Amino acid sequence: MPFGLPRSGPSRVVAVTTAVALATGAAGWLIGAQVRSPADAAAAHRPPQPSLITVPVEKRTLTATVTAQGTVAYGAPQPLTLTGSVATGAGVTGATPLITKAPAAGRTLREGDVLLEVSGRPVLVLTGKVPMYRNLTRGSTGDDVRQLRSALRRLLPGRGVSRSGPLDGGALDAVASWYDRRGYQAAKPSREERNELRRLEQAVTASKPAGGAVLATAKEELAEFKKTYGITIASGEVLFLPKLPVRLTTVTVKAGAPASGVIGTVADPTLVVNGDVASDDLDLLKVGMAATLEHSAGGTVPATLSALGAAAAPAAPAPSDPDRSSGEGQEEEEAPEATGGTPVRLKPKSQKKLTRYAGQAVKITIKVGGTGHAVLTVPVAAVFTSSDGQARVTVQDGSGAVRDVAVEAGLTTGGNVQVTPATPAALRAGDRVVVGTA
């Protein structure tokens, strides 16, 4: 049953007055609840009490590394230069010799291979430090002849070529045999030389009736001519290289180009990685250190640091002639950019795994040290030095209480540092150390 105000009289006045007073009081309380003094407002904007940021102490093996960028390449590039001239064949005029069959970049050259053709004649590569500077004929002697004999003994072990001595018929026959195997003919006496031999032989025959000094002179001239008569090895048909095999990394000529000067670049066929490290890291490195190479596909290949500094500086590529162009399939190589760092060279332990990445960039990680076993580690930010010069960490227990623990700092790498507590039981793996506040 609803209650209402009296219709009139003193009771109604009292009820109305009471209701108004209650409403006014409630409104005043609400307004008062929203109004704060300046001191209350300032207190409300004060930051909360800071809390500690902690991380657990870990036990693990630390490894210190130096990282760098490198490029997979074939080692020790050297310019390849043609010298001398090839034998003149039938129908060949005295014009400048031209390349009639250009070499192909990316090929591995082995001893006895034909590098290219000049005016239809082969240019063979053989091992030797002395360049081919002259034509070799019967009776020739010298270092170049010894190199040729050594090459023939390796290429044709069953021919019985002697180690030393003037170039004789046996060695020249071996040369002819090797030319034949490669699909060419060794340079035999020219028509003029054959005619001269015939003339000298006829002179001996004609001098026999006279005998005496006339015959002796004719025989002497014939014998002198025969000393050099026979197969000739033209100076431009053999290219001695200090080391074989080599990889033909670049070619700067094509068929029809003059056969002289630099024609490309050769390099050790063994893949290496050339890179640069920051000069500040140089004192940390030693030849023989283990390293890891990470290629573009994400795989890794173990390697060894094989050279530092000047010994690791890549050689400049062979100069290219803008008027010459490479043959089909030539591999382009850019000159290494100067980085301001110190050159390093690494030898991968697996050639096969890096062959497809030749010319590409890889990440180099060189191991320069490590703990060798699991140790207590904390972030570098957790270690501080107190006023007495002692390194310490702050440990927070489960209740929130903190305590400082004296430690000895060890190897630092990757933002972590090895710590050894002064009191062994004072710090264990799993303890939480303070690294900051929030």
Protein backbone atom coordinates (compact mmCIF):
# COMPACT_ATOMS: atom_id res chain seq x y z
CA MET A 1 0.00 0.00 0.00
CA PRO A 2 1.65 3.35 -1.04
CA PHE A 3 2.45 6.10 1.42
CA GLY A 4 1.87 9.76 0.53
CA LEU A 5 2.26 13.17 2.15
CA PRO A 6 -0.57 14.56 4.24
CA ARG A 7 -2.85 16.76 2.26
CA SER A 8 -2.45 19.76 4.58
CA GLY A 9 -1.62 20.94 8.02
CA PRO A 10 1.49 20.91 10.18
CA SER A 11 2.29 17.28 9.32
CA ARG A 12 2.63 18.15 5.66
CA VAL A 13 5.00 21.02 6.36
CA VAL A 14 7.24 18.85 8.49
CA ALA A 15 7.38 16.10 5.84
CA VAL A 16 8.23 18.49 3.03
CA THR A 17 10.92 20.18 5.08
CA THR A 18 12.46 16.87 5.97
CA ALA A 19 12.53 15.67 2.33
CA VAL A 20 14.17 18.88 1.15
CA ALA A 21 16.81 18.62 3.84
CA LEU A 22 17.61 15.03 2.92
CA ALA A 23 17.89 15.88 -0.79
CA THR A 24 20.12 18.86 -0.12
CA GLY A 25 22.39 16.77 2.10
CA ALA A 26 22.74 14.04 -0.51
CA ALA A 27 23.61 16.57 -3.22
CA GLY A 28 26.16 18.19 -0.98
CA TRP A 29 27.79 14.84 -0.26
CA LEU A 30 28.02 14.05 -3.95
CA ILE A 31 29.55 17.41 -4.78
CA GLY A 32 31.95 17.14 -1.88
CA ALA A 33 33.10 13.74 -3.06
CA GLN A 34 34.20 15.27 -6.39
CA VAL A 35 36.05 18.23 -4.93
CA ARG A 36 39.72 17.70 -3.82
CA SER A 37 42.20 20.03 -2.29
CA PRO A 38 45.44 20.91 -4.23
CA ALA A 39 47.38 18.69 -1.85
CA ASP A 40 45.04 15.78 -2.52
CA ALA A 41 45.36 16.34 -6.31
CA ALA A 42 49.17 16.40 -6.16
CA ALA A 43 49.24 13.24 -4.07
CA ALA A 44 47.01 11.50 -6.59
CA HIS A 45 49.52 12.24 -9.41
CA ARG A 46 52.61 10.92 -7.66
CA PRO A 47 54.23 7.91 -9.43
CA PRO A 48 53.78 4.55 -7.77
CA GLN A 49 56.61 3.09 -5.78
CA PRO A 50 59.19 1.64 -8.24
CA SER A 51 59.36 -2.13 -8.67
CA LEU A 52 62.51 -4.11 -9.41
CA ILE A 53 63.15 -5.84 -12.74
CA THR A 54 64.85 -9.17 -12.20
CA VAL A 55 66.12 -12.01 -14.40
CA PRO A 56 67.25 -15.50 -13.41
CA VAL A 57 70.89 -16.47 -13.08
CA GLU A 58 71.69 -19.06 -15.79
CA LYS A 59 74.32 -21.74 -16.08
CA ARG A 60 75.62 -22.17 -19.61
CA THR A 61 78.72 -22.21 -21.81
CA LEU A 62 79.78 -18.83 -23.16
CA THR A 63 81.54 -18.41 -26.50
CA ALA A 64 83.17 -15.16 -27.59
CA THR A 65 83.00 -14.41 -31.32
CA VAL A 66 83.95 -11.82 -33.92
CA THR A 67 81.47 -11.38 -36.75
CA ALA A 68 81.97 -9.95 -40.22
CA GLN A 69 80.68 -10.11 -43.78
CA GLY A 70 82.59 -11.93 -46.49
CA THR A 71 82.37 -13.09 -50.09
CA VAL A 72 82.87 -16.61 -51.42
CA ALA A 73 85.61 -16.51 -54.07
CA TYR A 74 88.31 -18.53 -55.75
CA GLY A 75 91.69 -17.85 -54.14
CA ALA A 76 94.70 -15.80 -55.26
CA PRO A 77 93.48 -14.30 -58.57
CA GLN A 78 96.21 -13.45 -61.09
CA PRO A 79 96.11 -11.88 -64.56
CA LEU A 80 96.55 -14.26 -67.48
CA THR A 81 98.85 -12.82 -70.14
CA LEU A 82 99.72 -14.09 -73.60
CA THR A 83 103.29 -13.64 -74.85
CA GLY A 84 105.25 -14.77 -77.90
CA SER A 85 103.86 -15.97 -81.20
CA VAL A 86 102.54 -19.22 -82.55
CA ALA A 87 104.01 -21.24 -85.39
CA THR A 88 103.18 -20.01 -88.89
CA GLY A 89 101.18 -22.59 -90.80
CA ALA A 90 100.36 -22.97 -94.44
CA GLY A 91 98.31 -20.09 -95.78
CA VAL A 92 98.92 -17.91 -92.70
CA THR A 93 100.37 -14.51 -93.52
CA GLY A 94 102.55 -12.34 -91.33
CA ALA A 95 99.57 -10.36 -90.00
CA THR A 96 98.92 -9.91 -86.31
CA PRO A 97 97.94 -13.27 -84.73
CA LEU A 98 94.26 -13.38 -83.81
CA ILE A 99 92.35 -15.49 -81.33
CA THR A 100 90.42 -18.05 -83.34
CA LYS A 101 88.93 -19.93 -80.37
CA ALA A 102 88.41 -18.00 -77.14
CA PRO A 103 88.61 -19.63 -73.71
CA ALA A 104 85.52 -20.06 -71.53
CA ALA A 105 85.31 -18.53 -68.05
CA GLY A 106 84.55 -20.85 -65.17
CA ARG A 107 86.71 -23.64 -66.56
CA THR A 108 89.41 -25.40 -64.52
CA LEU A 109 92.71 -25.59 -66.38
CA ARG A 110 94.95 -28.61 -65.78
CA GLU A 111 98.45 -29.30 -67.02
CA GLY A 112 98.51 -30.08 -70.73
CA ASP A 113 95.11 -28.46 -71.46
CA VAL A 114 94.59 -26.22 -74.46
CA LEU A 115 93.72 -22.75 -73.18
CA LEU A 116 92.70 -21.24 -76.52
CA GLU A 117 93.60 -21.16 -80.21
CA VAL A 118 95.63 -18.44 -81.89
CA SER A 119 95.55 -18.44 -85.69
CA GLY A 120 94.38 -22.04 -85.48
CA ARG A 121 97.31 -23.10 -83.28
CA PRO A 122 96.92 -24.37 -79.69
CA VAL A 123 98.18 -22.59 -76.58
CA LEU A 124 99.02 -25.26 -73.98
CA VAL A 125 99.26 -24.62 -70.23
CA LEU A 126 102.15 -26.28 -68.37
CA THR A 127 103.55 -25.91 -64.87
CA GLY A 128 106.60 -23.69 -64.56
CA LYS A 129 107.85 -20.46 -63.00
CA VAL A 130 109.99 -19.34 -65.95
CA PRO A 131 107.92 -17.80 -68.75
CA MET A 132 108.13 -19.09 -72.30
CA TYR A 133 110.27 -16.35 -73.82
CA ARG A 134 111.67 -18.02 -76.97
CA ASN A 135 111.14 -20.76 -79.53
CA LEU A 136 112.50 -24.12 -78.42
CA THR A 137 114.24 -26.34 -80.94
CA ARG A 138 116.49 -29.39 -80.96
CA GLY A 139 119.56 -28.61 -78.85
CA SER A 140 117.93 -25.86 -76.72
CA THR A 141 119.02 -25.76 -73.07
CA GLY A 142 117.99 -23.76 -70.01
CA ASP A 143 115.37 -23.49 -67.27
CA ASP A 144 112.50 -23.42 -69.75
CA VAL A 145 113.72 -26.70 -71.28
CA ARG A 146 113.94 -28.30 -67.82
CA GLN A 147 110.36 -27.18 -67.15
CA LEU A 148 109.24 -28.68 -70.44
CA ARG A 149 110.99 -31.98 -69.71
CA SER A 150 109.36 -32.13 -66.25
CA ALA A 151 105.93 -31.50 -67.75
CA LEU A 152 106.42 -34.20 -70.38
CA ARG A 153 107.49 -36.70 -67.70
CA ARG A 154 104.23 -35.99 -65.82
CA LEU A 155 102.02 -36.05 -68.89
CA LEU A 156 103.67 -39.02 -70.64
CA PRO A 157 105.32 -41.11 -67.94
CA GLY A 158 105.82 -44.06 -70.27
CA ARG A 159 107.86 -42.20 -72.89
CA GLY A 160 111.10 -42.24 -70.90
CA VAL A 161 111.83 -38.52 -71.27
CA SER A 162 115.01 -37.70 -69.37
CA ARG A 163 115.06 -35.12 -66.57
CA SER A 164 117.80 -32.93 -68.02
CA GLY A 165 119.98 -32.24 -71.03
CA PRO A 166 119.52 -30.38 -74.30
CA LEU A 167 116.22 -30.79 -76.05
CA ASP A 168 116.67 -33.96 -78.09
CA GLY A 169 114.72 -36.16 -80.44
CA GLY A 170 113.10 -38.17 -77.63
CA ALA A 171 111.68 -35.09 -75.93
CA LEU A 172 110.53 -33.59 -79.23
CA ASP A 173 108.81 -36.84 -80.21
CA ALA A 174 106.98 -36.71 -76.85
CA VAL A 175 105.89 -33.16 -77.65
CA ALA A 176 104.56 -34.31 -81.02
CA SER A 177 102.69 -37.15 -79.31
CA TRP A 178 101.01 -34.75 -76.87
CA TYR A 179 99.98 -32.38 -79.65
CA ASP A 180 98.46 -35.33 -81.44
CA ARG A 181 96.48 -36.31 -78.35
CA ARG A 182 95.02 -32.82 -78.19
CA GLY A 183 94.02 -32.91 -81.85
CA TYR A 184 96.83 -30.81 -83.32
CA GLN A 185 100.14 -31.32 -85.09
CA ALA A 186 103.43 -30.12 -83.68
CA ALA A 187 105.21 -27.52 -85.80
CA LYS A 188 107.41 -29.45 -88.19
CA PRO A 189 110.17 -27.93 -90.36
CA SER A 190 108.89 -25.33 -92.79
CA ARG A 191 109.22 -25.61 -96.55
CA GLU A 192 112.19 -23.27 -96.48
CA GLU A 193 113.91 -25.40 -93.85
CA ARG A 194 113.25 -28.59 -95.81
CA ASN A 195 114.64 -26.99 -98.94
CA GLU A 196 117.72 -25.84 -97.03
CA LEU A 197 118.30 -29.34 -95.68
CA ARG A 198 118.01 -30.78 -99.19
CA ARG A 199 120.47 -28.19 -100.51
CA LEU A 200 123.04 -28.97 -97.82
CA GLU A 201 122.70 -32.71 -98.38
CA GLN A 202 123.21 -32.23 -102.12
CA ALA A 203 126.28 -30.10 -101.39
CA VAL A 204 127.81 -32.95 -99.45
CA THR A 205 127.10 -35.37 -102.27
CA ALA A 206 128.55 -33.00 -104.84
CA SER A 207 131.70 -32.47 -102.74
CA LYS A 208 132.56 -36.12 -102.39
CA PRO A 209 134.60 -36.35 -105.62
CA ALA A 210 136.65 -33.34 -104.58
CA GLY A 211 137.12 -34.59 -101.06
CA GLY A 212 139.47 -32.82 -98.69
CA ALA A 213 138.55 -29.42 -97.26
CA VAL A 214 135.62 -28.91 -99.63
CA LEU A 215 133.88 -32.06 -98.44
CA ALA A 216 134.72 -31.36 -94.82
CA THR A 217 133.17 -27.90 -95.04
CA ALA A 218 129.99 -29.23 -96.66
CA LYS A 219 129.60 -31.88 -93.96
CA GLU A 220 130.20 -29.33 -91.20
CA GLU A 221 127.50 -27.01 -92.55
CA LEU A 222 125.04 -29.91 -92.79
CA ALA A 223 125.79 -31.08 -89.25
CA GLU A 224 125.40 -27.54 -87.88
CA PHE A 225 122.03 -27.16 -89.60
CA LYS A 226 120.76 -30.47 -88.27
CA LYS A 227 121.46 -29.43 -84.67
CA THR A 228 118.26 -27.37 -84.67
CA TYR A 229 116.37 -29.10 -87.45
CA GLY A 230 113.09 -30.77 -86.56
CA ILE A 231 110.04 -29.95 -84.45
CA THR A 232 109.84 -26.41 -83.10
CA ILE A 233 107.86 -25.32 -80.04
CA ALA A 234 106.83 -21.74 -80.71
CA SER A 235 107.08 -19.28 -77.81
CA GLY A 236 103.37 -18.49 -78.00
CA GLU A 237 102.18 -22.11 -77.93
CA VAL A 238 103.14 -22.87 -74.34
CA LEU A 239 102.02 -20.82 -71.34
CA PHE A 240 103.91 -21.72 -68.18
CA LEU A 241 101.94 -21.05 -64.96
CA PRO A 242 103.50 -21.35 -61.49
CA LYS A 243 100.68 -23.54 -60.20
CA LEU A 244 98.17 -25.86 -61.80
CA PRO A 245 95.30 -26.55 -61.78
CA VAL A 246 93.78 -23.07 -61.81
CA ARG A 247 90.29 -21.80 -62.42
CA LEU A 248 89.71 -19.40 -65.29
CA THR A 249 87.59 -16.87 -63.42
CA THR A 250 87.26 -14.14 -66.05
CA VAL A 251 87.85 -13.78 -69.78
CA THR A 252 88.29 -10.37 -71.39
CA VAL A 253 88.66 -11.38 -75.04
CA LYS A 254 86.63 -13.06 -77.74
CA ALA A 255 87.36 -14.71 -81.06
CA GLY A 256 88.86 -12.24 -83.51
CA ALA A 257 90.71 -10.20 -80.87
CA PRO A 258 94.49 -9.70 -81.07
CA ALA A 259 96.37 -12.46 -79.28
CA SER A 260 98.47 -10.39 -76.90
CA GLY A 261 98.41 -8.93 -73.41
CA VAL A 262 95.99 -9.76 -70.60
CA ILE A 263 93.19 -12.04 -71.71
CA GLY A 264 91.57 -12.78 -68.34
CA THR A 265 92.13 -13.87 -64.78
CA VAL A 266 92.98 -17.21 -63.24
CA ALA A 267 92.70 -18.21 -59.60
CA ASP A 268 93.36 -21.11 -57.31
CA PRO A 269 90.38 -23.45 -57.83
CA THR A 270 90.02 -23.79 -54.07
CA LEU A 271 87.14 -21.71 -52.71
CA VAL A 272 87.94 -19.22 -49.97
CA VAL A 273 85.97 -16.52 -48.19
CA ASN A 274 87.40 -13.00 -48.24
CA GLY A 275 86.11 -10.48 -45.72
CA ASP A 276 86.99 -7.57 -43.47
CA VAL A 277 86.83 -7.29 -39.68
CA ALA A 278 86.81 -4.15 -37.58
CA SER A 279 90.36 -3.07 -36.77
CA ASP A 280 89.46 -3.06 -33.06
CA ASP A 281 88.91 -6.83 -33.26
CA LEU A 282 92.23 -7.61 -34.94
CA ASP A 283 94.08 -8.30 -31.66
CA LEU A 284 91.55 -11.02 -30.85
CA LEU A 285 92.24 -13.01 -34.01
CA LYS A 286 94.87 -15.63 -34.79
CA VAL A 287 95.39 -17.79 -37.87
CA GLY A 288 93.93 -21.23 -37.28
CA MET A 289 90.88 -20.12 -35.29
CA ALA A 290 87.64 -21.98 -35.94
CA ALA A 291 84.84 -20.13 -37.72
CA THR A 292 81.38 -20.64 -39.15
CA LEU A 293 80.09 -19.41 -42.51
CA GLU A 294 76.37 -18.78 -42.97
CA HIS A 295 75.20 -18.51 -46.60
CA SER A 296 72.08 -16.94 -48.08
CA ALA A 297 70.03 -20.14 -47.79
CA GLY A 298 70.58 -20.18 -44.03
CA GLY A 299 72.92 -23.17 -43.93
CA THR A 300 76.28 -23.11 -42.19
CA VAL A 301 79.70 -24.44 -43.16
CA PRO A 302 82.64 -24.80 -40.73
CA ALA A 303 85.81 -22.98 -41.70
CA THR A 304 89.26 -21.98 -40.48
CA LEU A 305 90.82 -18.52 -40.38
CA SER A 306 93.73 -18.91 -42.82
CA ALA A 307 95.14 -15.40 -43.29
CA LEU A 308 95.06 -11.91 -41.75
CA GLY A 309 95.95 -8.42 -42.89
CA ALA A 310 98.12 -7.98 -45.98
CA ALA A 311 98.38 -11.75 -46.45
CA ALA A 312 94.60 -11.89 -46.85
CA ALA A 313 94.16 -8.88 -49.12
CA PRO A 314 92.46 -9.98 -52.38
CA ALA A 315 94.47 -9.25 -55.51
CA ALA A 316 93.04 -6.72 -57.91
CA PRO A 317 91.19 -8.29 -60.85
CA ALA A 318 92.79 -8.28 -64.27
CA PRO A 319 92.23 -5.02 -66.14
CA SER A 320 89.62 -5.34 -68.83
CA ASP A 321 89.79 -3.75 -72.25
CA PRO A 322 86.55 -1.87 -72.98
CA ASP A 323 86.97 -2.74 -76.65
CA ARG A 324 87.08 -6.45 -75.83
CA SER A 325 84.10 -8.46 -74.73
CA SER A 326 83.91 -11.81 -73.07
CA GLY A 327 82.71 -14.97 -74.69
CA GLU A 328 79.34 -16.47 -73.96
CA GLY A 329 78.93 -17.59 -70.37
CA GLN A 330 81.58 -15.29 -68.93
CA GLU A 331 81.44 -14.83 -65.17
CA GLU A 332 81.61 -11.18 -64.13
CA GLU A 333 83.65 -10.22 -61.08
CA GLU A 334 83.56 -6.83 -59.42
CA ALA A 335 86.54 -5.20 -57.78
CA PRO A 336 86.40 -5.50 -53.99
CA GLU A 337 85.18 -2.35 -52.28
CA ALA A 338 87.36 -0.67 -49.67
CA THR A 339 85.72 -1.10 -46.29
CA GLY A 340 88.26 0.45 -43.95
CA GLY A 341 88.56 -2.80 -41.98
CA THR A 342 91.29 -5.42 -41.84
CA PRO A 343 91.20 -8.14 -44.53
CA VAL A 344 90.70 -11.76 -43.44
CA ARG A 345 90.58 -14.98 -45.44
CA LEU A 346 88.88 -18.19 -44.38
CA LYS A 347 89.15 -21.70 -45.77
CA PRO A 348 85.88 -23.66 -45.70
CA LYS A 349 86.10 -27.29 -44.64
CA SER A 350 83.63 -28.32 -47.35
CA GLN A 351 84.20 -27.04 -50.88
CA LYS A 352 81.13 -28.81 -52.22
CA LYS A 353 78.71 -27.03 -49.90
CA LEU A 354 79.87 -23.57 -51.02
CA THR A 355 80.37 -24.09 -54.76
CA ARG A 356 76.89 -22.82 -55.65
CA TYR A 357 77.44 -19.68 -53.56
CA ALA A 358 80.63 -18.51 -55.35
CA GLY A 359 80.52 -14.73 -55.67
CA GLN A 360 77.85 -14.38 -52.97
CA ALA A 361 78.01 -12.81 -49.53
CA VAL A 362 78.17 -14.90 -46.35
CA LYS A 363 78.16 -14.10 -42.65
CA ILE A 364 81.44 -14.90 -40.90
CA THR A 365 81.52 -15.84 -37.22
CA ILE A 366 84.99 -16.46 -35.78
CA LYS A 367 85.32 -18.08 -32.36
CA VAL A 368 87.92 -16.11 -30.37
CA GLY A 369 87.40 -17.59 -26.91
CA GLY A 370 85.01 -19.31 -24.55
CA THR A 371 84.53 -20.77 -21.08
CA GLY A 372 84.71 -24.33 -22.35
CA HIS A 373 82.13 -25.49 -19.81
CA ALA A 374 78.87 -24.31 -18.21
CA VAL A 375 79.28 -21.33 -15.86
CA LEU A 376 77.00 -18.95 -13.96
CA THR A 377 76.00 -16.06 -16.22
CA VAL A 378 73.98 -12.88 -15.81
CA PRO A 379 73.23 -9.93 -18.09
CA VAL A 380 75.96 -7.28 -18.09
CA ALA A 381 73.42 -4.81 -16.67
CA ALA A 382 73.15 -6.88 -13.48
CA VAL A 383 76.79 -6.27 -12.46
CA PHE A 384 77.83 -3.03 -10.75
CA THR A 385 80.93 -1.87 -8.93
CA SER A 386 80.53 -0.72 -5.35
CA SER A 387 82.51 2.07 -3.69
CA ASP A 388 85.17 -0.39 -2.54
CA GLY A 389 85.85 -1.43 -6.15
CA GLN A 390 84.21 -4.84 -5.74
CA ALA A 391 81.94 -6.16 -8.51
CA ARG A 392 78.54 -7.16 -7.16
CA VAL A 393 75.05 -8.26 -8.15
CA THR A 394 71.82 -7.62 -6.29
CA VAL A 395 69.74 -10.72 -5.56
CA GLN A 396 66.02 -10.56 -4.73
CA ASP A 397 64.50 -13.49 -2.85
CA GLY A 398 60.95 -14.78 -2.97
CA SER A 399 59.76 -12.36 -0.28
CA GLY A 400 61.05 -9.35 -2.16
CA ALA A 401 64.04 -8.77 0.09
CA VAL A 402 67.30 -7.89 -1.66
CA ARG A 403 70.96 -8.48 -0.85
CA ASP A 404 74.23 -7.70 -2.60
CA VAL A 405 76.53 -10.56 -3.53
CA ALA A 406 80.23 -10.00 -4.30
CA VAL A 407 81.28 -11.63 -7.58
CA GLU A 408 84.23 -11.87 -9.91
CA ALA A 409 83.34 -11.02 -13.53
CA GLY A 410 84.75 -13.23 -16.31
CA LEU A 411 84.16 -13.59 -20.05
CA THR A 412 81.71 -11.10 -21.52
CA THR A 413 79.94 -11.86 -24.80
CA GLY A 414 76.56 -11.28 -26.38
CA GLY A 415 75.39 -9.03 -23.52
CA ASN A 416 76.09 -11.69 -20.87
CA VAL A 417 78.96 -12.04 -18.43
CA GLN A 418 80.38 -14.93 -16.47
CA VAL A 419 80.18 -14.38 -12.69
CA THR A 420 81.84 -16.31 -9.87
CA PRO A 421 80.50 -15.53 -6.36
CA ALA A 422 83.07 -14.81 -3.65
CA THR A 423 81.09 -17.20 -1.45
CA PRO A 424 80.03 -20.19 -3.59
CA ALA A 425 76.67 -20.69 -1.86
CA ALA A 426 75.75 -17.02 -2.18
CA LEU A 427 74.67 -17.29 -5.81
CA ARG A 428 73.11 -20.20 -7.68
CA ALA A 429 71.43 -20.83 -11.00
CA GLY A 430 67.78 -19.77 -10.76
CA ASP A 431 68.39 -16.91 -8.31
CA ARG A 432 66.92 -13.65 -9.56
CA VAL A 433 69.25 -10.67 -9.97
CA VAL A 434 68.21 -7.05 -10.37
CA VAL A 435 68.84 -5.48 -13.79
CA GLY A 436 66.73 -2.32 -13.38
CA THR A 437 63.55 -0.77 -12.04
CA ALA A 438 60.12 -0.08 -13.50
